[in-house]
Amino acid sequence: MKIFLKHLAFIPLCAVFVALLGWLVMLLWNWLMPSLFGLSELGYWQACGLLVLCKILFGGLGGHHHGHHHHRMCHSNKLRERWENMTPEERERIIEQHKGA
């Protein structure tokens, strides 16, 4: 029951965040795009639509367990395992190499 209440409180916060993000996109677009590229200004709902379109095109639609995110997690786990298996001398040598880079 407590978890449900936490999720219930999260919904209005998400709605406020999305509304502010749409407003921010509208302000930035209307400030930069007309003067830089001669494009017309956007209304609030057009800015929200642009935000959704960008999410679809560049952020994907699905969960975070697919594709590159999974690859990065596997890679970081391998690096962590490798680091944990190093001797203190090997770790110190790696640290010194990165300080010089």
N, C-alpha and C. Protein backbone atom coordinates (compact mmCIF):
# COMPACT_ATOMS: atom_id res chain seq x y z
N MET A 1 0.81 -1.20 0.00
CA MET A 1 0.00 0.00 0.00
C MET A 1 0.86 1.26 0.00
N LYS A 2 1.96 1.23 0.78
CA LYS A 2 2.83 2.41 0.85
C LYS A 2 3.49 2.68 -0.50
N ILE A 3 3.86 1.61 -1.21
CA ILE A 3 4.48 1.77 -2.52
C ILE A 3 3.50 2.43 -3.48
N PHE A 4 2.23 2.01 -3.43
CA PHE A 4 1.21 2.59 -4.28
C PHE A 4 1.08 4.08 -4.02
N LEU A 5 1.11 4.49 -2.76
CA LEU A 5 0.99 5.91 -2.42
C LEU A 5 2.20 6.70 -2.92
N LYS A 6 3.39 6.09 -2.85
CA LYS A 6 4.57 6.77 -3.38
C LYS A 6 4.44 6.99 -4.88
N HIS A 7 3.95 5.98 -5.60
CA HIS A 7 3.75 6.11 -7.04
C HIS A 7 2.67 7.13 -7.35
N LEU A 8 1.66 7.17 -6.52
CA LEU A 8 0.56 8.11 -6.73
C LEU A 8 1.04 9.55 -6.58
N ALA A 9 1.95 9.78 -5.66
CA ALA A 9 2.51 11.12 -5.47
C ALA A 9 3.48 11.47 -6.60
N PHE A 10 4.05 10.48 -7.24
CA PHE A 10 5.01 10.69 -8.31
C PHE A 10 4.34 11.20 -9.59
N ILE A 11 3.11 10.83 -9.82
CA ILE A 11 2.39 11.20 -11.04
C ILE A 11 2.26 12.71 -11.20
N PRO A 12 1.80 13.46 -10.18
CA PRO A 12 1.72 14.92 -10.36
C PRO A 12 3.09 15.57 -10.57
N LEU A 13 4.12 15.04 -9.94
CA LEU A 13 5.46 15.58 -10.14
C LEU A 13 5.92 15.40 -11.58
N CYS A 14 5.63 14.24 -12.15
CA CYS A 14 5.97 13.99 -13.56
C CYS A 14 5.20 14.93 -14.48
N ALA A 15 3.94 15.14 -14.19
CA ALA A 15 3.12 16.04 -15.02
C ALA A 15 3.66 17.46 -14.98
N VAL A 16 4.05 17.93 -13.81
CA VAL A 16 4.62 19.28 -13.68
C VAL A 16 5.95 19.36 -14.43
N PHE A 17 6.76 18.33 -14.31
CA PHE A 17 8.05 18.31 -14.99
C PHE A 17 7.88 18.36 -16.50
N VAL A 18 6.96 17.55 -17.03
CA VAL A 18 6.72 17.53 -18.48
C VAL A 18 6.18 18.87 -18.95
N ALA A 19 5.28 19.48 -18.17
CA ALA A 19 4.72 20.78 -18.53
C ALA A 19 5.81 21.85 -18.57
N LEU A 20 6.69 21.84 -17.58
CA LEU A 20 7.79 22.81 -17.55
C LEU A 20 8.78 22.57 -18.69
N LEU A 21 9.01 21.31 -19.01
CA LEU A 21 9.93 20.99 -20.10
C LEU A 21 9.37 21.48 -21.44
N GLY A 22 8.07 21.30 -21.65
CA GLY A 22 7.43 21.80 -22.87
C GLY A 22 7.52 23.32 -22.95
N TRP A 23 7.30 23.98 -21.84
CA TRP A 23 7.39 25.44 -21.78
C TRP A 23 8.82 25.89 -22.08
N LEU A 24 9.81 25.18 -21.54
CA LEU A 24 11.22 25.52 -21.77
C LEU A 24 11.58 25.34 -23.25
N VAL A 25 11.12 24.26 -23.86
CA VAL A 25 11.37 24.04 -25.29
C VAL A 25 10.77 25.18 -26.10
N MET A 26 9.56 25.58 -25.75
CA MET A 26 8.89 26.67 -26.46
C MET A 26 9.70 27.97 -26.34
N LEU A 27 10.14 28.29 -25.12
CA LEU A 27 10.91 29.52 -24.92
C LEU A 27 12.22 29.50 -25.69
N LEU A 28 12.94 28.39 -25.61
CA LEU A 28 14.22 28.30 -26.31
C LEU A 28 14.04 28.36 -27.83
N TRP A 29 13.05 27.65 -28.34
CA TRP A 29 12.79 27.68 -29.78
C TRP A 29 12.46 29.10 -30.23
N ASN A 30 11.52 29.74 -29.51
CA ASN A 30 11.07 31.07 -29.92
C ASN A 30 12.16 32.13 -29.73
N TRP A 31 13.12 31.86 -28.89
CA TRP A 31 14.22 32.79 -28.69
C TRP A 31 15.28 32.63 -29.79
N LEU A 32 15.59 31.36 -30.14
CA LEU A 32 16.71 31.11 -31.05
C LEU A 32 16.33 30.90 -32.51
N MET A 33 15.37 30.05 -32.77
CA MET A 33 15.13 29.61 -34.14
C MET A 33 14.63 30.70 -35.10
N PRO A 34 13.73 31.57 -34.69
CA PRO A 34 13.31 32.61 -35.64
C PRO A 34 14.45 33.54 -36.06
N SER A 35 15.28 33.91 -35.10
CA SER A 35 16.36 34.84 -35.44
C SER A 35 17.53 34.16 -36.15
N LEU A 36 17.81 32.91 -35.81
CA LEU A 36 18.95 32.22 -36.43
C LEU A 36 18.62 31.65 -37.81
N PHE A 37 17.44 31.03 -37.93
CA PHE A 37 17.11 30.30 -39.15
C PHE A 37 15.86 30.80 -39.86
N GLY A 38 15.23 31.83 -39.34
CA GLY A 38 14.04 32.39 -39.97
C GLY A 38 12.81 31.50 -39.85
N LEU A 39 12.80 30.61 -38.86
CA LEU A 39 11.66 29.72 -38.65
C LEU A 39 10.58 30.44 -37.85
N SER A 40 9.35 29.96 -37.97
CA SER A 40 8.27 30.60 -37.22
C SER A 40 8.29 30.15 -35.76
N GLU A 41 7.61 30.92 -34.93
CA GLU A 41 7.55 30.61 -33.51
C GLU A 41 6.61 29.43 -33.26
N LEU A 42 6.81 28.77 -32.13
CA LEU A 42 5.99 27.62 -31.75
C LEU A 42 5.05 28.01 -30.61
N GLY A 43 3.89 27.39 -30.60
CA GLY A 43 2.99 27.48 -29.45
C GLY A 43 3.35 26.39 -28.45
N TYR A 44 2.70 26.43 -27.30
CA TYR A 44 3.01 25.46 -26.24
C TYR A 44 2.79 24.02 -26.70
N TRP A 45 1.66 23.72 -27.32
CA TRP A 45 1.36 22.34 -27.71
C TRP A 45 2.26 21.88 -28.85
N GLN A 46 2.67 22.80 -29.71
CA GLN A 46 3.63 22.45 -30.76
C GLN A 46 4.98 22.09 -30.14
N ALA A 47 5.37 22.84 -29.12
CA ALA A 47 6.63 22.55 -28.43
C ALA A 47 6.57 21.19 -27.74
N CYS A 48 5.42 20.87 -27.13
CA CYS A 48 5.27 19.55 -26.50
C CYS A 48 5.33 18.45 -27.56
N GLY A 49 4.73 18.69 -28.72
CA GLY A 49 4.79 17.73 -29.81
C GLY A 49 6.21 17.54 -30.32
N LEU A 50 6.95 18.62 -30.40
CA LEU A 50 8.35 18.54 -30.82
C LEU A 50 9.15 17.74 -29.81
N LEU A 51 8.87 17.93 -28.54
CA LEU A 51 9.54 17.18 -27.48
C LEU A 51 9.27 15.69 -27.63
N VAL A 52 8.02 15.32 -27.89
CA VAL A 52 7.65 13.92 -28.07
C VAL A 52 8.33 13.36 -29.32
N LEU A 53 8.33 14.14 -30.40
CA LEU A 53 8.97 13.70 -31.64
C LEU A 53 10.46 13.44 -31.42
N CYS A 54 11.12 14.33 -30.71
CA CYS A 54 12.55 14.14 -30.42
C CYS A 54 12.78 12.90 -29.57
N LYS A 55 11.90 12.65 -28.63
CA LYS A 55 12.02 11.45 -27.81
C LYS A 55 11.90 10.20 -28.66
N ILE A 56 10.95 10.21 -29.59
CA ILE A 56 10.76 9.06 -30.47
C ILE A 56 11.98 8.87 -31.38
N LEU A 57 12.44 9.95 -31.99
CA LEU A 57 13.53 9.84 -32.96
C LEU A 57 14.89 9.58 -32.32
N PHE A 58 15.17 10.23 -31.21
CA PHE A 58 16.51 10.15 -30.64
C PHE A 58 16.59 9.35 -29.34
N GLY A 59 15.49 9.21 -28.63
CA GLY A 59 15.54 8.53 -27.35
C GLY A 59 14.94 7.15 -27.35
N GLY A 60 14.23 6.79 -28.40
CA GLY A 60 13.61 5.48 -28.46
C GLY A 60 12.29 5.47 -27.70
N LEU A 61 11.55 4.42 -27.89
CA LEU A 61 10.25 4.28 -27.25
C LEU A 61 10.26 3.30 -26.10
N GLY A 62 11.13 2.32 -26.16
CA GLY A 62 11.06 1.20 -25.22
C GLY A 62 11.79 1.46 -23.92
N GLY A 63 11.89 0.38 -23.17
CA GLY A 63 12.57 0.42 -21.88
C GLY A 63 14.07 0.57 -22.04
N HIS A 64 14.72 0.70 -20.93
CA HIS A 64 16.16 0.97 -20.94
C HIS A 64 17.00 -0.30 -20.96
N HIS A 65 16.37 -1.44 -21.04
CA HIS A 65 17.13 -2.69 -20.99
C HIS A 65 17.52 -3.21 -22.36
N HIS A 66 17.28 -2.46 -23.41
CA HIS A 66 17.61 -2.89 -24.75
C HIS A 66 18.80 -2.13 -25.29
N GLY A 67 19.45 -2.70 -26.27
CA GLY A 67 20.43 -2.00 -27.08
C GLY A 67 21.67 -1.56 -26.36
N HIS A 68 22.06 -0.32 -26.60
CA HIS A 68 23.34 0.20 -26.14
C HIS A 68 23.44 0.26 -24.62
N HIS A 69 22.36 0.55 -23.95
CA HIS A 69 22.41 0.63 -22.49
C HIS A 69 22.85 -0.70 -21.91
N HIS A 70 22.31 -1.79 -22.44
CA HIS A 70 22.69 -3.12 -21.97
C HIS A 70 24.17 -3.37 -22.23
N HIS A 71 24.64 -2.97 -23.40
CA HIS A 71 26.05 -3.14 -23.74
C HIS A 71 26.94 -2.38 -22.78
N ARG A 72 26.57 -1.14 -22.46
CA ARG A 72 27.37 -0.34 -21.53
C ARG A 72 27.40 -0.96 -20.15
N MET A 73 26.27 -1.51 -19.71
CA MET A 73 26.23 -2.13 -18.39
C MET A 73 27.14 -3.35 -18.35
N CYS A 74 27.11 -4.17 -19.40
CA CYS A 74 27.99 -5.34 -19.44
C CYS A 74 29.44 -4.91 -19.44
N HIS A 75 29.75 -3.88 -20.22
CA HIS A 75 31.11 -3.38 -20.30
C HIS A 75 31.57 -2.85 -18.95
N SER A 76 30.74 -2.08 -18.26
CA SER A 76 31.14 -1.54 -16.96
C SER A 76 31.27 -2.65 -15.92
N ASN A 77 30.45 -3.68 -16.01
CA ASN A 77 30.57 -4.80 -15.08
C ASN A 77 31.88 -5.54 -15.29
N LYS A 78 32.27 -5.70 -16.56
CA LYS A 78 33.53 -6.36 -16.85
C LYS A 78 34.70 -5.55 -16.34
N LEU A 79 34.64 -4.22 -16.52
CA LEU A 79 35.71 -3.37 -16.02
C LEU A 79 35.79 -3.40 -14.49
N ARG A 80 34.63 -3.40 -13.85
CA ARG A 80 34.61 -3.45 -12.39
C ARG A 80 35.20 -4.77 -11.90
N GLU A 81 34.84 -5.86 -12.55
CA GLU A 81 35.37 -7.17 -12.17
C GLU A 81 36.88 -7.22 -12.38
N ARG A 82 37.33 -6.66 -13.49
CA ARG A 82 38.75 -6.62 -13.78
C ARG A 82 39.51 -5.81 -12.73
N TRP A 83 38.93 -4.66 -12.35
CA TRP A 83 39.54 -3.79 -11.34
C TRP A 83 39.64 -4.51 -10.00
N GLU A 84 38.58 -5.22 -9.63
CA GLU A 84 38.57 -5.92 -8.35
C GLU A 84 39.57 -7.06 -8.31
N ASN A 85 39.92 -7.62 -9.47
CA ASN A 85 40.87 -8.73 -9.53
C ASN A 85 42.32 -8.25 -9.62
N MET A 86 42.54 -6.95 -9.73
CA MET A 86 43.90 -6.42 -9.82
C MET A 86 44.55 -6.36 -8.44
N THR A 87 45.86 -6.47 -8.46
CA THR A 87 46.61 -6.27 -7.22
C THR A 87 46.70 -4.77 -6.94
N PRO A 88 46.99 -4.38 -5.71
CA PRO A 88 47.14 -2.95 -5.41
C PRO A 88 48.22 -2.28 -6.27
N GLU A 89 49.27 -3.00 -6.61
CA GLU A 89 50.31 -2.42 -7.46
C GLU A 89 49.79 -2.15 -8.87
N GLU A 90 49.00 -3.08 -9.41
CA GLU A 90 48.43 -2.88 -10.75
C GLU A 90 47.46 -1.70 -10.75
N ARG A 91 46.69 -1.59 -9.70
CA ARG A 91 45.76 -0.46 -9.60
C ARG A 91 46.51 0.87 -9.56
N GLU A 92 47.56 0.90 -8.77
CA GLU A 92 48.35 2.13 -8.65
C GLU A 92 48.98 2.51 -9.99
N ARG A 93 49.47 1.50 -10.73
CA ARG A 93 50.06 1.76 -12.04
C ARG A 93 49.02 2.34 -13.00
N ILE A 94 47.80 1.81 -12.98
CA ILE A 94 46.72 2.31 -13.84
C ILE A 94 46.38 3.75 -13.47
N ILE A 95 46.29 4.02 -12.18
CA ILE A 95 45.98 5.38 -11.71
C ILE A 95 47.04 6.36 -12.17
N GLU A 96 48.31 5.97 -12.05
CA GLU A 96 49.40 6.85 -12.47
C GLU A 96 49.38 7.08 -13.98
N GLN A 97 49.04 6.05 -14.75
CA GLN A 97 48.96 6.21 -16.21
C GLN A 97 47.87 7.21 -16.58
N HIS A 98 46.74 7.16 -15.89
CA HIS A 98 45.64 8.08 -16.20
C HIS A 98 45.90 9.50 -15.73
N LYS A 99 46.73 9.66 -14.71
CA LYS A 99 47.08 11.01 -14.26
C LYS A 99 47.93 11.71 -15.31
N GLY A 100 48.79 10.96 -15.98
CA GLY A 100 49.67 11.53 -17.00
C GLY A 100 48.98 11.81 -18.31
N ALA A 101 47.85 11.19 -18.52
CA ALA A 101 47.13 11.33 -19.81
C ALA A 101 46.36 12.61 -19.90
